């Protein structure tokens, strides 16, 4: 059997708010919720499950490879909503995108404070 990434649980302050943020940003439909999870499913079948843990949330980094059209639309939504963003993970180039690795990229934080990256070309 081949190996494929199936799902991950993303800690959220408000699981519904975080799931909606990603659905709107990445143009993804709702997936059925169950138990303590609000879910979204990426086009490749990977399930993102948002949950509200009873512990302090530690920042994680999630990077999404998107096509140029979705990048343009998502970046436009970030700008329209006034979401602070950077061209670099060190947050030294605010309000910019990068054009490294033969594509474009942007970094920002989701409602729970996780570091999110959108890129149009894989690094490798």
PDB file of N, CA and C in Angstrom:
ATOM      1  N   UNK A   1       0.831  -1.180   0.000  1.00  0.00           N
ATOM      2  CA  UNK A   1       0.000   0.000   0.000  1.00  0.00           C
ATOM      3  C   UNK A   1       0.876   1.245   0.000  1.00  0.00           C
ATOM      4  N   UNK A   2       0.526   2.194  -0.822  1.00  0.00           N
ATOM      5  CA  UNK A   2       1.230   3.477  -0.843  1.00  0.00           C
ATOM      6  C   UNK A   2       0.907   4.242   0.435  1.00  0.00           C
ATOM      7  N   UNK A   3       1.760   5.168   0.786  1.00  0.00           N
ATOM      8  CA  UNK A   3       1.528   6.000   1.968  1.00  0.00           C
ATOM      9  C   UNK A   3       0.928   7.321   1.524  1.00  0.00           C
ATOM     10  N   UNK A   4      -0.111   7.738   2.220  1.00  0.00           N
ATOM     11  CA  UNK A   4      -0.758   9.020   1.940  1.00  0.00           C
ATOM     12  C   UNK A   4      -1.138   9.668   3.265  1.00  0.00           C
ATOM     13  N   UNK A   5      -0.985  10.964   3.348  1.00  0.00           N
ATOM     14  CA  UNK A   5      -1.393  11.703   4.534  1.00  0.00           C
ATOM     15  C   UNK A   5      -2.915  11.747   4.554  1.00  0.00           C
ATOM     16  N   UNK A   6      -3.529  11.393   5.681  1.00  0.00           N
ATOM     17  CA  UNK A   6      -4.973  11.251   5.752  1.00  0.00           C
ATOM     18  C   UNK A   6      -5.669  12.377   6.496  1.00  0.00           C
ATOM     19  N   UNK A   7      -5.216  12.722   7.717  1.00  0.00           N
ATOM     20  CA  UNK A   7      -5.878  13.780   8.473  1.00  0.00           C
ATOM     21  C   UNK A   7      -4.967  14.334   9.556  1.00  0.00           C
ATOM     22  N   UNK A   8      -5.339  15.498  10.063  1.00  0.00           N
ATOM     23  CA  UNK A   8      -4.667  16.076  11.219  1.00  0.00           C
ATOM     24  C   UNK A   8      -5.691  16.859  12.019  1.00  0.00           C
ATOM     25  N   UNK A   9      -5.421  16.996  13.300  1.00  0.00           N
ATOM     26  CA  UNK A   9      -6.267  17.804  14.177  1.00  0.00           C
ATOM     27  C   UNK A   9      -5.553  19.124  14.401  1.00  0.00           C
ATOM     28  N   UNK A  10      -6.262  20.202  14.146  1.00  0.00           N
ATOM     29  CA  UNK A  10      -5.716  21.549  14.328  1.00  0.00           C
ATOM     30  C   UNK A  10      -6.400  22.172  15.537  1.00  0.00           C
ATOM     31  N   UNK A  11      -5.613  22.542  16.539  1.00  0.00           N
ATOM     32  CA  UNK A  11      -6.152  23.169  17.738  1.00  0.00           C
ATOM     33  C   UNK A  11      -6.686  24.551  17.395  1.00  0.00           C
ATOM     34  N   UNK A  12      -7.854  24.868  17.931  1.00  0.00           N
ATOM     35  CA  UNK A  12      -8.509  26.141  17.628  1.00  0.00           C
ATOM     36  C   UNK A  12      -9.115  26.737  18.890  1.00  0.00           C
ATOM     37  N   UNK A  13      -9.117  28.070  18.964  1.00  0.00           N
ATOM     38  CA  UNK A  13      -9.822  28.749  20.056  1.00  0.00           C
ATOM     39  C   UNK A  13     -11.321  28.581  19.857  1.00  0.00           C
ATOM     40  N   UNK A  14     -11.750  28.677  18.606  1.00  0.00           N
ATOM     41  CA  UNK A  14     -13.155  28.474  18.220  1.00  0.00           C
ATOM     42  C   UNK A  14     -13.132  27.620  16.960  1.00  0.00           C
ATOM     43  N   UNK A  15     -13.465  26.347  17.093  1.00  0.00           N
ATOM     44  CA  UNK A  15     -13.323  25.409  15.966  1.00  0.00           C
ATOM     45  C   UNK A  15     -14.164  25.812  14.768  1.00  0.00           C
ATOM     46  N   UNK A  16     -15.348  26.378  15.006  1.00  0.00           N
ATOM     47  CA  UNK A  16     -16.217  26.794  13.899  1.00  0.00           C
ATOM     48  C   UNK A  16     -15.611  27.989  13.156  1.00  0.00           C
ATOM     49  N   UNK A  17     -15.078  28.954  13.907  1.00  0.00           N
ATOM     50  CA  UNK A  17     -14.452  30.131  13.296  1.00  0.00           C
ATOM     51  C   UNK A  17     -13.232  29.729  12.466  1.00  0.00           C
ATOM     52  N   UNK A  18     -12.392  28.854  13.013  1.00  0.00           N
ATOM     53  CA  UNK A  18     -11.197  28.439  12.286  1.00  0.00           C
ATOM     54  C   UNK A  18     -11.549  27.658  11.023  1.00  0.00           C
ATOM     55  N   UNK A  19     -12.500  26.735  11.124  1.00  0.00           N
ATOM     56  CA  UNK A  19     -12.905  25.970   9.940  1.00  0.00           C
ATOM     57  C   UNK A  19     -13.483  26.893   8.872  1.00  0.00           C
ATOM     58  N   UNK A  20     -14.294  27.848   9.283  1.00  0.00           N
ATOM     59  CA  UNK A  20     -14.879  28.792   8.328  1.00  0.00           C
ATOM     60  C   UNK A  20     -13.805  29.646   7.661  1.00  0.00           C
ATOM     61  N   UNK A  21     -12.794  30.069   8.437  1.00  0.00           N
ATOM     62  CA  UNK A  21     -11.676  30.845   7.898  1.00  0.00           C
ATOM     63  C   UNK A  21     -11.015  30.089   6.750  1.00  0.00           C
ATOM     64  N   UNK A  22     -10.719  28.805   6.961  1.00  0.00           N
ATOM     65  CA  UNK A  22     -10.069  28.004   5.921  1.00  0.00           C
ATOM     66  C   UNK A  22     -11.013  27.688   4.763  1.00  0.00           C
ATOM     67  N   UNK A  23     -12.285  27.443   5.054  1.00  0.00           N
ATOM     68  CA  UNK A  23     -13.245  27.192   3.961  1.00  0.00           C
ATOM     69  C   UNK A  23     -13.320  28.410   3.051  1.00  0.00           C
ATOM     70  N   UNK A  24     -13.430  29.593   3.642  1.00  0.00           N
ATOM     71  CA  UNK A  24     -13.514  30.817   2.844  1.00  0.00           C
ATOM     72  C   UNK A  24     -12.218  31.078   2.080  1.00  0.00           C
ATOM     73  N   UNK A  25     -11.100  30.957   2.765  1.00  0.00           N
ATOM     74  CA  UNK A  25      -9.807  31.267   2.162  1.00  0.00           C
ATOM     75  C   UNK A  25      -9.467  30.320   1.019  1.00  0.00           C
ATOM     76  N   UNK A  26      -9.667  29.018   1.238  1.00  0.00           N
ATOM     77  CA  UNK A  26      -9.236  28.010   0.275  1.00  0.00           C
ATOM     78  C   UNK A  26     -10.359  27.495  -0.613  1.00  0.00           C
ATOM     79  N   UNK A  27     -11.543  28.107  -0.494  1.00  0.00           N
ATOM     80  CA  UNK A  27     -12.699  27.753  -1.331  1.00  0.00           C
ATOM     81  C   UNK A  27     -13.025  26.266  -1.198  1.00  0.00           C
ATOM     82  N   UNK A  28     -13.199  25.813   0.027  1.00  0.00           N
ATOM     83  CA  UNK A  28     -13.456  24.412   0.335  1.00  0.00           C
ATOM     84  C   UNK A  28     -14.859  24.272   0.916  1.00  0.00           C
ATOM     85  N   UNK A  29     -15.543  23.212   0.522  1.00  0.00           N
ATOM     86  CA  UNK A  29     -16.877  22.933   1.050  1.00  0.00           C
ATOM     87  C   UNK A  29     -16.787  22.325   2.451  1.00  0.00           C
ATOM     88  N   UNK A  30     -17.893  22.407   3.175  1.00  0.00           N
ATOM     89  CA  UNK A  30     -17.976  21.782   4.493  1.00  0.00           C
ATOM     90  C   UNK A  30     -17.869  20.273   4.376  1.00  0.00           C
ATOM     91  N   UNK A  31     -17.295  19.648   5.381  1.00  0.00           N
ATOM     92  CA  UNK A  31     -17.307  18.198   5.525  1.00  0.00           C
ATOM     93  C   UNK A  31     -18.133  17.908   6.775  1.00  0.00           C
ATOM     94  N   UNK A  32     -18.750  16.752   6.861  1.00  0.00           N
ATOM     95  CA  UNK A  32     -19.582  16.447   8.023  1.00  0.00           C
ATOM     96  C   UNK A  32     -18.792  16.527   9.332  1.00  0.00           C
ATOM     97  N   UNK A  33     -19.334  17.218  10.342  1.00  0.00           N
ATOM     98  CA  UNK A  33     -18.676  17.254  11.653  1.00  0.00           C
ATOM     99  C   UNK A  33     -18.992  15.977  12.427  1.00  0.00           C
ATOM    100  N   UNK A  34     -18.166  15.646  13.391  1.00  0.00           N
ATOM    101  CA  UNK A  34     -18.517  14.578  14.316  1.00  0.00           C
ATOM    102  C   UNK A  34     -17.744  14.791  15.612  1.00  0.00           C
ATOM    103  N   UNK A  35     -18.361  14.345  16.692  1.00  0.00           N
ATOM    104  CA  UNK A  35     -17.734  14.485  18.004  1.00  0.00           C
ATOM    105  C   UNK A  35     -17.290  15.911  18.251  1.00  0.00           C
ATOM    106  N   UNK A  36     -16.073  16.085  18.745  1.00  0.00           N
ATOM    107  CA  UNK A  36     -15.575  17.433  19.046  1.00  0.00           C
ATOM    108  C   UNK A  36     -14.933  18.140  17.853  1.00  0.00           C
ATOM    109  N   UNK A  37     -15.142  17.629  16.645  1.00  0.00           N
ATOM    110  CA  UNK A  37     -14.440  18.147  15.466  1.00  0.00           C
ATOM    111  C   UNK A  37     -15.371  18.865  14.494  1.00  0.00           C
ATOM    112  N   UNK A  38     -14.899  20.005  13.998  1.00  0.00           N
ATOM    113  CA  UNK A  38     -15.486  20.662  12.833  1.00  0.00           C
ATOM    114  C   UNK A  38     -14.488  20.398  11.712  1.00  0.00           C
ATOM    115  N   UNK A  39     -14.956  19.829  10.612  1.00  0.00           N
ATOM    116  CA  UNK A  39     -14.056  19.295   9.591  1.00  0.00           C
ATOM    117  C   UNK A  39     -14.146  20.031   8.256  1.00  0.00           C
ATOM    118  N   UNK A  40     -13.022  20.054   7.557  1.00  0.00           N
ATOM    119  CA  UNK A  40     -13.000  20.415   6.139  1.00  0.00           C
ATOM    120  C   UNK A  40     -12.141  19.380   5.440  1.00  0.00           C
ATOM    121  N   UNK A  41     -12.463  19.109   4.189  1.00  0.00           N
ATOM    122  CA  UNK A  41     -11.701  18.112   3.436  1.00  0.00           C
ATOM    123  C   UNK A  41     -11.095  18.769   2.212  1.00  0.00           C
ATOM    124  N   UNK A  42      -9.781  18.630   2.075  1.00  0.00           N
ATOM    125  CA  UNK A  42      -9.065  19.186   0.933  1.00  0.00           C
ATOM    126  C   UNK A  42      -9.365  18.346  -0.308  1.00  0.00           C
ATOM    127  N   UNK A  43      -9.166  18.904  -1.494  1.00  0.00           N
ATOM    128  CA  UNK A  43      -9.479  18.165  -2.728  1.00  0.00           C
ATOM    129  C   UNK A  43      -8.754  16.821  -2.865  1.00  0.00           C
ATOM    130  N   UNK A  44      -7.587  16.683  -2.226  1.00  0.00           N
ATOM    131  CA  UNK A  44      -6.856  15.411  -2.323  1.00  0.00           C
ATOM    132  C   UNK A  44      -7.325  14.394  -1.285  1.00  0.00           C
ATOM    133  N   UNK A  45      -8.369  14.735  -0.519  1.00  0.00           N
ATOM    134  CA  UNK A  45      -8.927  13.819   0.462  1.00  0.00           C
ATOM    135  C   UNK A  45      -8.438  14.014   1.882  1.00  0.00           C
ATOM    136  N   UNK A  46      -7.411  14.825   2.088  1.00  0.00           N
ATOM    137  CA  UNK A  46      -6.908  15.061   3.438  1.00  0.00           C
ATOM    138  C   UNK A  46      -7.965  15.807   4.257  1.00  0.00           C
ATOM    139  N   UNK A  47      -8.208  15.314   5.455  1.00  0.00           N
ATOM    140  CA  UNK A  47      -9.205  15.900   6.342  1.00  0.00           C
ATOM    141  C   UNK A  47      -8.513  16.766   7.381  1.00  0.00           C
ATOM    142  N   UNK A  48      -8.954  18.025   7.497  1.00  0.00           N
ATOM    143  CA  UNK A  48      -8.498  18.920   8.554  1.00  0.00           C
ATOM    144  C   UNK A  48      -9.603  18.953   9.598  1.00  0.00           C
ATOM    145  N   UNK A  49      -9.268  18.564  10.825  1.00  0.00           N
ATOM    146  CA  UNK A  49     -10.241  18.502  11.898  1.00  0.00           C
ATOM    147  C   UNK A  49      -9.891  19.571  12.927  1.00  0.00           C
ATOM    148  N   UNK A  50     -10.811  20.494  13.153  1.00  0.00           N
ATOM    149  CA  UNK A  50     -10.589  21.582  14.102  1.00  0.00           C
ATOM    150  C   UNK A  50     -11.241  21.223  15.427  1.00  0.00           C
ATOM    151  N   UNK A  51     -10.492  21.386  16.518  1.00  0.00           N
ATOM    152  CA  UNK A  51     -10.987  21.042  17.854  1.00  0.00           C
ATOM    153  C   UNK A  51     -10.519  22.091  18.849  1.00  0.00           C
ATOM    154  N   UNK A  52     -11.264  22.231  19.912  1.00  0.00           N
ATOM    155  CA  UNK A  52     -10.942  23.175  20.986  1.00  0.00           C
ATOM    156  C   UNK A  52     -10.375  22.391  22.163  1.00  0.00           C
ATOM    157  N   UNK A  53      -9.045  22.302  22.255  1.00  0.00           N
ATOM    158  CA  UNK A  53      -8.446  21.511  23.334  1.00  0.00           C
ATOM    159  C   UNK A  53      -8.537  22.258  24.673  1.00  0.00           C
ATOM    160  N   UNK A  54      -8.521  21.508  25.755  1.00  0.00           N
ATOM    161  CA  UNK A  54      -8.587  22.151  27.075  1.00  0.00           C
ATOM    162  C   UNK A  54      -7.215  22.586  27.578  1.00  0.00           C
ATOM    163  N   UNK A  55      -6.309  22.863  26.652  1.00  0.00           N
ATOM    164  CA  UNK A  55      -4.952  23.294  27.009  1.00  0.00           C
ATOM    165  C   UNK A  55      -4.598  24.525  26.189  1.00  0.00           C
ATOM    166  N   UNK A  56      -3.542  25.205  26.595  1.00  0.00           N
ATOM    167  CA  UNK A  56      -3.076  26.357  25.830  1.00  0.00           C
ATOM    168  C   UNK A  56      -2.637  25.893  24.442  1.00  0.00           C
ATOM    169  N   UNK A  57      -3.003  26.643  23.438  1.00  0.00           N
ATOM    170  CA  UNK A  57      -2.685  26.274  22.053  1.00  0.00           C
ATOM    171  C   UNK A  57      -1.255  26.681  21.725  1.00  0.00           C
ATOM    172  N   UNK A  58      -0.481  25.722  21.240  1.00  0.00           N
ATOM    173  CA  UNK A  58       0.874  25.993  20.771  1.00  0.00           C
ATOM    174  C   UNK A  58       0.821  26.255  19.271  1.00  0.00           C
ATOM    175  N   UNK A  59       1.519  27.293  18.833  1.00  0.00           N
ATOM    176  CA  UNK A  59       1.523  27.629  17.419  1.00  0.00           C
ATOM    177  C   UNK A  59       2.131  26.497  16.597  1.00  0.00           C
ATOM    178  N   UNK A  60       1.483  26.191  15.489  1.00  0.00           N
ATOM    179  CA  UNK A  60       1.973  25.223  14.515  1.00  0.00           C
ATOM    180  C   UNK A  60       2.108  25.941  13.175  1.00  0.00           C
ATOM    181  N   UNK A  61       2.795  25.296  12.244  1.00  0.00           N
ATOM    182  CA  UNK A  61       2.941  25.851  10.889  1.00  0.00           C
ATOM    183  C   UNK A  61       2.276  24.895   9.908  1.00  0.00           C
ATOM    184  N   UNK A  62       1.409  25.453   9.056  1.00  0.00           N
ATOM    185  CA  UNK A  62       0.737  24.673   8.019  1.00  0.00           C
ATOM    186  C   UNK A  62       0.943  25.387   6.693  1.00  0.00           C
ATOM    187  N   UNK A  63       1.458  24.674   5.697  1.00  0.00           N
ATOM    188  CA  UNK A  63       1.687  25.251   4.370  1.00  0.00           C
ATOM    189  C   UNK A  63       0.781  24.550   3.364  1.00  0.00           C
ATOM    190  N   UNK A  64       0.150  25.340   2.503  1.00  0.00           N
ATOM    191  CA  UNK A  64      -0.761  24.819   1.491  1.00  0.00           C
ATOM    192  C   UNK A  64      -0.238  25.184   0.113  1.00  0.00           C
ATOM    193  N   UNK A  65      -0.087  24.175  -0.732  1.00  0.00           N
ATOM    194  CA  UNK A  65       0.302  24.367  -2.125  1.00  0.00           C
ATOM    195  C   UNK A  65      -0.977  24.602  -2.918  1.00  0.00           C
ATOM    196  N   UNK A  66      -1.084  25.768  -3.542  1.00  0.00           N
ATOM    197  CA  UNK A  66      -2.289  26.143  -4.286  1.00  0.00           C
ATOM    198  C   UNK A  66      -1.901  26.575  -5.692  1.00  0.00           C
ATOM    199  N   UNK A  67      -2.861  26.557  -6.610  1.00  0.00           N
ATOM    200  CA  UNK A  67      -2.557  27.031  -7.957  1.00  0.00           C
ATOM    201  C   UNK A  67      -2.564  28.565  -7.976  1.00  0.00           C
ATOM    202  N   UNK A  68      -2.089  29.133  -9.070  1.00  0.00           N
ATOM    203  CA  UNK A  68      -1.958  30.585  -9.162  1.00  0.00           C
ATOM    204  C   UNK A  68      -3.288  31.310  -9.019  1.00  0.00           C
ATOM    205  N   UNK A  69      -4.347  30.759  -9.604  1.00  0.00           N
ATOM    206  CA  UNK A  69      -5.654  31.397  -9.517  1.00  0.00           C
ATOM    207  C   UNK A  69      -6.165  31.459  -8.090  1.00  0.00           C
ATOM    208  N   UNK A  70      -6.068  30.348  -7.363  1.00  0.00           N
ATOM    209  CA  UNK A  70      -6.515  30.341  -5.969  1.00  0.00           C
ATOM    210  C   UNK A  70      -5.630  31.246  -5.125  1.00  0.00           C
ATOM    211  N   UNK A  71      -4.326  31.257  -5.394  1.00  0.00           N
ATOM    212  CA  UNK A  71      -3.432  32.157  -4.658  1.00  0.00           C
ATOM    213  C   UNK A  71      -3.908  33.597  -4.817  1.00  0.00           C
ATOM    214  N   UNK A  72      -4.181  34.012  -6.045  1.00  0.00           N
ATOM    215  CA  UNK A  72      -4.632  35.390  -6.290  1.00  0.00           C
ATOM    216  C   UNK A  72      -5.924  35.695  -5.539  1.00  0.00           C
ATOM    217  N   UNK A  73      -6.883  34.782  -5.588  1.00  0.00           N
ATOM    218  CA  UNK A  73      -8.167  35.007  -4.909  1.00  0.00           C
ATOM    219  C   UNK A  73      -7.996  35.010  -3.392  1.00  0.00           C
ATOM    220  N   UNK A  74      -7.220  34.055  -2.874  1.00  0.00           N
ATOM    221  CA  UNK A  74      -7.001  33.983  -1.426  1.00  0.00           C
ATOM    222  C   UNK A  74      -6.237  35.205  -0.933  1.00  0.00           C
ATOM    223  N   UNK A  75      -5.215  35.607  -1.664  1.00  0.00           N
ATOM    224  CA  UNK A  75      -4.450  36.788  -1.263  1.00  0.00           C
ATOM    225  C   UNK A  75      -5.349  38.026  -1.290  1.00  0.00           C
ATOM    226  N   UNK A  76      -6.208  38.139  -2.276  1.00  0.00           N
ATOM    227  CA  UNK A  76      -7.160  39.241  -2.329  1.00  0.00           C
ATOM    228  C   UNK A  76      -8.071  39.252  -1.112  1.00  0.00           C
ATOM    229  N   UNK A  77      -8.544  38.071  -0.685  1.00  0.00           N
ATOM    230  CA  UNK A  77      -9.400  37.989   0.507  1.00  0.00           C
ATOM    231  C   UNK A  77      -8.630  38.396   1.756  1.00  0.00           C
ATOM    232  N   UNK A  78      -7.367  37.973   1.873  1.00  0.00           N
ATOM    233  CA  UNK A  78      -6.555  38.378   3.020  1.00  0.00           C
ATOM    234  C   UNK A  78      -6.434  39.899   3.077  1.00  0.00           C
ATOM    235  N   UNK A  79      -6.135  40.500   1.933  1.00  0.00           N
ATOM    236  CA  UNK A  79      -5.988  41.958   1.874  1.00  0.00           C
ATOM    237  C   UNK A  79      -7.310  42.663   2.167  1.00  0.00           C
ATOM    238  N   UNK A  80      -8.403  42.174   1.565  1.00  0.00           N
ATOM    239  CA  UNK A  80      -9.720  42.785   1.786  1.00  0.00           C
ATOM    240  C   UNK A  80     -10.115  42.749   3.252  1.00  0.00           C
ATOM    241  N   UNK A  81      -9.731  41.698   3.963  1.00  0.00           N
ATOM    242  CA  UNK A  81     -10.099  41.542   5.376  1.00  0.00           C
ATOM    243  C   UNK A  81      -9.082  42.172   6.322  1.00  0.00           C
ATOM    244  N   UNK A  82      -8.029  42.741   5.761  1.00  0.00           N
ATOM    245  CA  UNK A  82      -7.019  43.381   6.599  1.00  0.00           C
ATOM    246  C   UNK A  82      -6.185  42.405   7.413  1.00  0.00           C
ATOM    247  N   UNK A  83      -6.033  41.166   6.909  1.00  0.00           N
ATOM    248  CA  UNK A  83      -5.225  40.171   7.614  1.00  0.00           C
ATOM    249  C   UNK A  83      -3.752  40.523   7.435  1.00  0.00           C
ATOM    250  N   UNK A  84      -3.061  40.697   8.545  1.00  0.00           N
ATOM    251  CA  UNK A  84      -1.634  40.996   8.495  1.00  0.00           C
ATOM    252  C   UNK A  84      -0.910  39.824   7.850  1.00  0.00           C
ATOM    253  N   UNK A  85       0.015  40.118   6.943  1.00  0.00           N
ATOM    254  CA  UNK A  85       0.732  39.058   6.238  1.00  0.00           C
ATOM    255  C   UNK A  85       2.150  39.507   5.916  1.00  0.00           C
ATOM    256  N   UNK A  86       2.973  38.516   5.591  1.00  0.00           N
ATOM    257  CA  UNK A  86       4.385  38.768   5.353  1.00  0.00           C
ATOM    258  C   UNK A  86       4.885  37.943   4.176  1.00  0.00           C
ATOM    259  N   UNK A  87       5.995  38.382   3.601  1.00  0.00           N
ATOM    260  CA  UNK A  87       6.625  37.647   2.509  1.00  0.00           C
ATOM    261  C   UNK A  87       7.593  36.592   3.035  1.00  0.00           C
ATOM    262  N   UNK A  88       7.871  36.619   4.337  1.00  0.00           N
ATOM    263  CA  UNK A  88       8.871  35.729   4.911  1.00  0.00           C
ATOM    264  C   UNK A  88       8.413  35.193   6.263  1.00  0.00           C
ATOM    265  N   UNK A  89       8.921  34.019   6.652  1.00  0.00           N
ATOM    266  CA  UNK A  89       8.493  33.437   7.928  1.00  0.00           C
ATOM    267  C   UNK A  89       9.011  34.194   9.150  1.00  0.00           C
ATOM    268  N   UNK A  90      10.023  35.007   8.978  1.00  0.00           N
ATOM    269  CA  UNK A  90      10.545  35.796  10.088  1.00  0.00           C
ATOM    270  C   UNK A  90       9.724  37.075  10.315  1.00  0.00           C
ATOM    271  N   UNK A  91       8.757  37.324   9.453  1.00  0.00           N
ATOM    272  CA  UNK A  91       7.854  38.478   9.541  1.00  0.00           C
ATOM    273  C   UNK A  91       8.609  39.818   9.463  1.00  0.00           C
ATOM    274  N   UNK A  92       9.589  39.866   8.572  1.00  0.00           N
ATOM    275  CA  UNK A  92      10.374  41.091   8.377  1.00  0.00           C
ATOM    276  C   UNK A  92       9.917  41.892   7.161  1.00  0.00           C
ATOM    277  N   UNK A  93       9.067  41.275   6.323  1.00  0.00           N
ATOM    278  CA  UNK A  93       8.601  41.952   5.105  1.00  0.00           C
ATOM    279  C   UNK A  93       7.072  42.015   5.125  1.00  0.00           C
ATOM    280  N   UNK A  94       6.521  42.894   5.966  1.00  0.00           N
ATOM    281  CA  UNK A  94       5.062  42.970   6.104  1.00  0.00           C
ATOM    282  C   UNK A  94       4.390  43.511   4.846  1.00  0.00           C
ATOM    283  N   UNK A  95       3.169  43.023   4.600  1.00  0.00           N
ATOM    284  CA  UNK A  95       2.364  43.510   3.496  1.00  0.00           C
ATOM    285  C   UNK A  95       2.850  43.098   2.122  1.00  0.00           C
ATOM    286  N   UNK A  96       3.742  42.103   2.061  1.00  0.00           N
ATOM    287  CA  UNK A  96       4.310  41.675   0.780  1.00  0.00           C
ATOM    288  C   UNK A  96       4.086  40.179   0.575  1.00  0.00           C
ATOM    289  N   UNK A  97       4.304  39.732  -0.655  1.00  0.00           N
ATOM    290  CA  UNK A  97       4.401  38.308  -0.978  1.00  0.00           C
ATOM    291  C   UNK A  97       5.814  38.069  -1.494  1.00  0.00           C
ATOM    292  N   UNK A  98       6.219  36.805  -1.575  1.00  0.00           N
ATOM    293  CA  UNK A  98       7.545  36.513  -2.119  1.00  0.00           C
ATOM    294  C   UNK A  98       7.404  35.823  -3.469  1.00  0.00           C
ATOM    295  N   UNK A  99       8.504  35.797  -4.201  1.00  0.00           N
ATOM    296  CA  UNK A  99       8.536  35.106  -5.497  1.00  0.00           C
ATOM    297  C   UNK A  99       9.712  34.131  -5.540  1.00  0.00           C
ATOM    298  N   UNK A 100       9.908  33.467  -4.407  1.00  0.00           N
ATOM    299  CA  UNK A 100      11.017  32.534  -4.286  1.00  0.00           C
ATOM    300  C   UNK A 100      10.633  31.146  -4.798  1.00  0.00           C
ATOM    301  N   UNK A 101      11.619  30.337  -5.104  1.00  0.00           N
ATOM    302  CA  UNK A 101      11.426  28.941  -5.527  1.00  0.00           C
ATOM    303  C   UNK A 101      10.616  28.819  -6.812  1.00  0.00           C
ATOM    304  N   UNK A 102      10.641  29.853  -7.643  1.00  0.00           N
ATOM    305  CA  UNK A 102       9.946  29.804  -8.919  1.00  0.00           C
ATOM    306  C   UNK A 102       8.450  30.006  -8.835  1.00  0.00           C
ATOM    307  N   UNK A 103       7.948  30.395  -7.693  1.00  0.00           N
ATOM    308  CA  UNK A 103       6.515  30.644  -7.510  1.00  0.00           C
ATOM    309  C   UNK A 103       6.309  31.840  -6.597  1.00  0.00           C
ATOM    310  N   UNK A 104       5.132  31.885  -5.985  1.00  0.00           N
ATOM    311  CA  UNK A 104       4.827  32.967  -5.049  1.00  0.00           C
ATOM    312  C   UNK A 104       4.424  32.366  -3.711  1.00  0.00           C
ATOM    313  N   UNK A 105       4.611  33.145  -2.649  1.00  0.00           N
ATOM    314  CA  UNK A 105       4.243  32.681  -1.324  1.00  0.00           C
ATOM    315  C   UNK A 105       3.883  33.831  -0.408  1.00  0.00           C
ATOM    316  N   UNK A 106       3.110  33.500   0.635  1.00  0.00           N
ATOM    317  CA  UNK A 106       2.728  34.487   1.635  1.00  0.00           C
ATOM    318  C   UNK A 106       2.529  33.771   2.963  1.00  0.00           C
ATOM    319  N   UNK A 107       2.821  34.462   4.053  1.00  0.00           N
ATOM    320  CA  UNK A 107       2.671  33.945   5.407  1.00  0.00           C
ATOM    321  C   UNK A 107       1.677  34.819   6.160  1.00  0.00           C
ATOM    322  N   UNK A 108       0.860  34.204   7.019  1.00  0.00           N
ATOM    323  CA  UNK A 108      -0.101  34.939   7.844  1.00  0.00           C
ATOM    324  C   UNK A 108      -0.517  34.031   8.982  1.00  0.00           C
ATOM    325  N   UNK A 109      -1.322  34.551   9.905  1.00  0.00           N
ATOM    326  CA  UNK A 109      -1.800  33.750  11.029  1.00  0.00           C
ATOM    327  C   UNK A 109      -3.295  33.495  10.889  1.00  0.00           C
ATOM    328  N   UNK A 110      -3.714  32.306  11.303  1.00  0.00           N
ATOM    329  CA  UNK A 110      -5.139  31.977  11.299  1.00  0.00           C
ATOM    330  C   UNK A 110      -5.765  32.474  12.604  1.00  0.00           C
ATOM    331  N   UNK A 111      -7.079  32.312  12.796  1.00  0.00           N
ATOM    332  CA  UNK A 111      -7.721  32.831  14.007  1.00  0.00           C
ATOM    333  C   UNK A 111      -7.175  32.266  15.317  1.00  0.00           C
ATOM    334  N   UNK A 112      -6.574  31.082  15.300  1.00  0.00           N
ATOM    335  CA  UNK A 112      -6.004  30.490  16.510  1.00  0.00           C
ATOM    336  C   UNK A 112      -4.543  30.876  16.714  1.00  0.00           C
ATOM    337  N   UNK A 113      -3.947  31.606  15.763  1.00  0.00           N
ATOM    338  CA  UNK A 113      -2.560  32.036  15.874  1.00  0.00           C
ATOM    339  C   UNK A 113      -1.552  31.122  15.216  1.00  0.00           C
ATOM    340  N   UNK A 114      -2.025  30.115  14.455  1.00  0.00           N
ATOM    341  CA  UNK A 114      -1.098  29.248  13.732  1.00  0.00           C
ATOM    342  C   UNK A 114      -0.495  29.993  12.546  1.00  0.00           C
ATOM    343  N   UNK A 115       0.757  29.677  12.221  1.00  0.00           N
ATOM    344  CA  UNK A 115       1.450  30.291  11.090  1.00  0.00           C
ATOM    345  C   UNK A 115       1.054  29.526   9.822  1.00  0.00           C
ATOM    346  N   UNK A 116       0.404  30.219   8.905  1.00  0.00           N
ATOM    347  CA  UNK A 116      -0.084  29.612   7.672  1.00  0.00           C
ATOM    348  C   UNK A 116       0.733  30.155   6.501  1.00  0.00           C
ATOM    349  N   UNK A 117       1.010  29.285   5.552  1.00  0.00           N
ATOM    350  CA  UNK A 117       1.766  29.658   4.357  1.00  0.00           C
ATOM    351  C   UNK A 117       1.015  29.161   3.144  1.00  0.00           C
ATOM    352  N   UNK A 118       0.862  30.023   2.169  1.00  0.00           N
ATOM    353  CA  UNK A 118       0.346  29.630   0.868  1.00  0.00           C
ATOM    354  C   UNK A 118       1.487  29.757  -0.124  1.00  0.00           C
ATOM    355  N   UNK A 119       1.705  28.713  -0.920  1.00  0.00           N
ATOM    356  CA  UNK A 119       2.750  28.730  -1.952  1.00  0.00           C
ATOM    357  C   UNK A 119       2.173  28.201  -3.260  1.00  0.00           C
ATOM    358  N   UNK A 120       2.745  28.669  -4.356  1.00  0.00           N
ATOM    359  CA  UNK A 120       2.277  28.231  -5.664  1.00  0.00           C
ATOM    360  C   UNK A 120       3.204  27.193  -6.301  1.00  0.00           C
ATOM    361  N   UNK A 121       4.378  26.984  -5.733  1.00  0.00           N
ATOM    362  CA  UNK A 121       5.307  25.962  -6.224  1.00  0.00           C
ATOM    363  C   UNK A 121       5.914  25.258  -5.031  1.00  0.00           C
ATOM    364  N   UNK A 122       6.079  23.935  -5.111  1.00  0.00           N
ATOM    365  CA  UNK A 122       6.726  23.230  -3.996  1.00  0.00           C
ATOM    366  C   UNK A 122       8.192  23.609  -3.913  1.00  0.00           C
ATOM    367  N   UNK A 123       8.755  23.490  -2.724  1.00  0.00           N
ATOM    368  CA  UNK A 123      10.171  23.834  -2.527  1.00  0.00           C
ATOM    369  C   UNK A 123      11.093  22.794  -3.156  1.00  0.00           C
ATOM    370  N   UNK A 124      10.674  21.566  -3.213  1.00  0.00           N
ATOM    371  CA  UNK A 124      11.535  20.515  -3.779  1.00  0.00           C
ATOM    372  C   UNK A 124      10.930  19.957  -5.037  1.00  0.00           C
TER     373      UNK A 124
END
